[in-house]
Amino acid sequence: MKIDVRINSLTPGEGNVKAIASANLDDCFAVKNIRVIEGKNGLFVSMPSYKGADGEYHDLCFPTTPEMRKQLNNAVADAYKQAIVQLQEQSNANFTQSEQMSESAPTMTM
């Protein structure tokens, strides 16, 4: 199955939710509000859910086979890792650019 994942928001330093993603499955079914969460045992993917009258959270949609769950989890995790790398590269580029600007700025001595 073809799975296209888009990271819609990245919150690496805020709480347990590290990112919100959406997935397009075989260009015919979209799932929004997939969360990448930092748990005790590392990152995991949480499907969109609602809080029931029993106080428990129930997934609105979910993979029905272990193979599909693994494929979807891997696709979301890979997209998250790629987004983190891009954020770090962008941050490094911005830092380098501001560093170069401050080095080339004229200085005044009195």
C-alpha atoms as a PDB file:
ATOM      1  CA  MET A   1       0.000   0.000   0.000  1.00  0.00           C
ATOM      2  CA  LYS A   2       1.199   3.487  -0.856  1.00  0.00           C
ATOM      3  CA  ILE A   3       1.258   5.744   2.222  1.00  0.00           C
ATOM      4  CA  ASP A   4       2.025   9.456   1.916  1.00  0.00           C
ATOM      5  CA  VAL A   5       2.585  11.171   5.258  1.00  0.00           C
ATOM      6  CA  ARG A   6       2.712  14.890   5.907  1.00  0.00           C
ATOM      7  CA  ILE A   7       3.858  16.376   9.197  1.00  0.00           C
ATOM      8  CA  ASN A   8       1.455  19.278   9.794  1.00  0.00           C
ATOM      9  CA  SER A   9       2.954  20.626  12.998  1.00  0.00           C
ATOM     10  CA  LEU A  10       6.137  19.920  14.871  1.00  0.00           C
ATOM     11  CA  THR A  11       6.384  20.537  18.618  1.00  0.00           C
ATOM     12  CA  PRO A  12       9.693  18.937  19.620  1.00  0.00           C
ATOM     13  CA  GLY A  13      10.097  20.737  22.947  1.00  0.00           C
ATOM     14  CA  GLU A  14       6.495  20.879  24.141  1.00  0.00           C
ATOM     15  CA  GLY A  15       5.023  18.028  26.202  1.00  0.00           C
ATOM     16  CA  ASN A  16       4.596  14.459  25.044  1.00  0.00           C
ATOM     17  CA  VAL A  17       3.026  15.204  21.644  1.00  0.00           C
ATOM     18  CA  LYS A  18       5.939  15.747  19.274  1.00  0.00           C
ATOM     19  CA  ALA A  19       4.052  16.151  16.001  1.00  0.00           C
ATOM     20  CA  ILE A  20       0.665  16.077  14.302  1.00  0.00           C
ATOM     21  CA  ALA A  21       0.511  14.289  10.959  1.00  0.00           C
ATOM     22  CA  SER A  22      -1.876  13.299   8.226  1.00  0.00           C
ATOM     23  CA  ALA A  23      -1.669  10.243   6.004  1.00  0.00           C
ATOM     24  CA  ASN A  24      -3.043   9.542   2.560  1.00  0.00           C
ATOM     25  CA  LEU A  25      -3.539   5.831   1.887  1.00  0.00           C
ATOM     26  CA  ASP A  26      -3.351   4.731  -1.767  1.00  0.00           C
ATOM     27  CA  ASP A  27      -4.510   8.213  -2.826  1.00  0.00           C
ATOM     28  CA  CYS A  28      -8.054   7.273  -1.809  1.00  0.00           C
ATOM     29  CA  PHE A  29      -8.354   7.531   1.996  1.00  0.00           C
ATOM     30  CA  ALA A  30      -7.017  10.305   4.228  1.00  0.00           C
ATOM     31  CA  VAL A  31      -6.454  10.233   7.977  1.00  0.00           C
ATOM     32  CA  LYS A  32      -5.855  13.502   9.833  1.00  0.00           C
ATOM     33  CA  ASN A  33      -4.718  14.265  13.384  1.00  0.00           C
ATOM     34  CA  ILE A  34      -2.321  11.349  13.758  1.00  0.00           C
ATOM     35  CA  ARG A  35      -0.104  12.156  16.732  1.00  0.00           C
ATOM     36  CA  VAL A  36       3.539  11.254  17.266  1.00  0.00           C
ATOM     37  CA  ILE A  37       3.948  10.856  21.021  1.00  0.00           C
ATOM     38  CA  GLU A  38       7.012  10.434  23.245  1.00  0.00           C
ATOM     39  CA  GLY A  39       6.220   7.638  25.693  1.00  0.00           C
ATOM     40  CA  LYS A  40       8.180   5.753  28.331  1.00  0.00           C
ATOM     41  CA  ASN A  41       9.462   3.334  25.696  1.00  0.00           C
ATOM     42  CA  GLY A  42      10.166   5.906  22.985  1.00  0.00           C
ATOM     43  CA  LEU A  43       8.116   7.362  20.154  1.00  0.00           C
ATOM     44  CA  PHE A  44       4.794   5.864  19.129  1.00  0.00           C
ATOM     45  CA  VAL A  45       2.001   6.748  16.712  1.00  0.00           C
ATOM     46  CA  SER A  46      -1.461   7.504  18.086  1.00  0.00           C
ATOM     47  CA  MET A  47      -4.456   7.451  15.778  1.00  0.00           C
ATOM     48  CA  PRO A  48      -7.239  10.067  16.030  1.00  0.00           C
ATOM     49  CA  SER A  49      -9.474   9.242  18.981  1.00  0.00           C
ATOM     50  CA  TYR A  50     -12.345  10.431  21.136  1.00  0.00           C
ATOM     51  CA  LYS A  51     -13.038  10.169  24.835  1.00  0.00           C
ATOM     52  CA  GLY A  52     -15.992   7.897  25.476  1.00  0.00           C
ATOM     53  CA  ALA A  53     -18.590   8.062  28.240  1.00  0.00           C
ATOM     54  CA  ASP A  54     -16.525   5.407  30.036  1.00  0.00           C
ATOM     55  CA  GLY A  55     -13.598   7.881  30.272  1.00  0.00           C
ATOM     56  CA  GLU A  56     -11.457   5.751  27.945  1.00  0.00           C
ATOM     57  CA  TYR A  57     -10.067   6.933  24.619  1.00  0.00           C
ATOM     58  CA  HIS A  58     -11.218   5.055  21.522  1.00  0.00           C
ATOM     59  CA  ASP A  59      -9.551   5.249  18.090  1.00  0.00           C
ATOM     60  CA  LEU A  60     -11.760   6.693  15.352  1.00  0.00           C
ATOM     61  CA  CYS A  61      -9.882   4.808  12.639  1.00  0.00           C
ATOM     62  CA  PHE A  62      -7.109   2.273  12.837  1.00  0.00           C
ATOM     63  CA  PRO A  63      -5.241  -0.409  10.892  1.00  0.00           C
ATOM     64  CA  THR A  64      -6.980  -3.768  11.117  1.00  0.00           C
ATOM     65  CA  THR A  65      -3.923  -5.942  10.535  1.00  0.00           C
ATOM     66  CA  PRO A  66      -0.549  -6.004  12.282  1.00  0.00           C
ATOM     67  CA  GLU A  67       1.186  -5.601   8.917  1.00  0.00           C
ATOM     68  CA  MET A  68      -0.751  -2.451   8.053  1.00  0.00           C
ATOM     69  CA  ARG A  69      -0.213  -1.026  11.555  1.00  0.00           C
ATOM     70  CA  LYS A  70       3.538  -1.583  11.196  1.00  0.00           C
ATOM     71  CA  GLN A  71       3.617  -0.034   7.707  1.00  0.00           C
ATOM     72  CA  LEU A  72       1.632   3.042   8.824  1.00  0.00           C
ATOM     73  CA  ASN A  73       3.662   3.479  12.023  1.00  0.00           C
ATOM     74  CA  ASN A  74       6.929   3.236  10.071  1.00  0.00           C
ATOM     75  CA  ALA A  75       5.740   5.750   7.455  1.00  0.00           C
ATOM     76  CA  VAL A  76       4.697   8.275  10.120  1.00  0.00           C
ATOM     77  CA  ALA A  77       7.878   7.741  12.158  1.00  0.00           C
ATOM     78  CA  ASP A  78      10.062   8.158   9.055  1.00  0.00           C
ATOM     79  CA  ALA A  79       8.256  11.382   8.086  1.00  0.00           C
ATOM     80  CA  TYR A  80       8.707  12.695  11.639  1.00  0.00           C
ATOM     81  CA  LYS A  81      12.429  11.906  11.641  1.00  0.00           C
ATOM     82  CA  GLN A  82      12.826  13.574   8.242  1.00  0.00           C
ATOM     83  CA  ALA A  83      10.974  16.687   9.496  1.00  0.00           C
ATOM     84  CA  ILE A  84      13.272  16.871  12.545  1.00  0.00           C
ATOM     85  CA  VAL A  85      16.371  16.642  10.312  1.00  0.00           C
ATOM     86  CA  GLN A  86      15.002  19.402   8.047  1.00  0.00           C
ATOM     87  CA  LEU A  87      14.253  21.580  11.080  1.00  0.00           C
ATOM     88  CA  GLN A  88      17.789  21.090  12.394  1.00  0.00           C
ATOM     89  CA  GLU A  89      19.315  21.837   8.989  1.00  0.00           C
ATOM     90  CA  GLN A  90      17.199  24.972   8.684  1.00  0.00           C
ATOM     91  CA  SER A  91      18.155  26.050  12.191  1.00  0.00           C
ATOM     92  CA  ASN A  92      21.861  25.475  11.457  1.00  0.00           C
ATOM     93  CA  ALA A  93      21.597  27.408   8.193  1.00  0.00           C
ATOM     94  CA  ASN A  94      19.888  30.315   9.945  1.00  0.00           C
ATOM     95  CA  PHE A  95      22.537  30.310  12.682  1.00  0.00           C
ATOM     96  CA  THR A  96      25.375  30.231  10.158  1.00  0.00           C
ATOM     97  CA  GLN A  97      23.770  33.024   8.160  1.00  0.00           C
ATOM     98  CA  SER A  98      23.319  35.260  11.224  1.00  0.00           C
ATOM     99  CA  GLU A  99      26.877  34.462  12.339  1.00  0.00           C
ATOM    100  CA  GLN A 100      28.231  35.483   8.929  1.00  0.00           C
ATOM    101  CA  MET A 101      26.195  38.684   8.997  1.00  0.00           C
ATOM    102  CA  SER A 102      27.555  39.674  12.400  1.00  0.00           C
ATOM    103  CA  GLU A 103      31.140  38.972  11.310  1.00  0.00           C
ATOM    104  CA  SER A 104      30.797  41.120   8.200  1.00  0.00           C
ATOM    105  CA  ALA A 105      29.013  43.977   9.969  1.00  0.00           C
ATOM    106  CA  PRO A 106      31.084  47.120  10.308  1.00  0.00           C
ATOM    107  CA  THR A 107      32.385  47.795  13.787  1.00  0.00           C
ATOM    108  CA  MET A 108      32.959  51.104  15.441  1.00  0.00           C
ATOM    109  CA  THR A 109      35.816  51.808  17.776  1.00  0.00           C
ATOM    110  CA  MET A 110      36.172  54.818  19.917  1.00  0.00           C
END
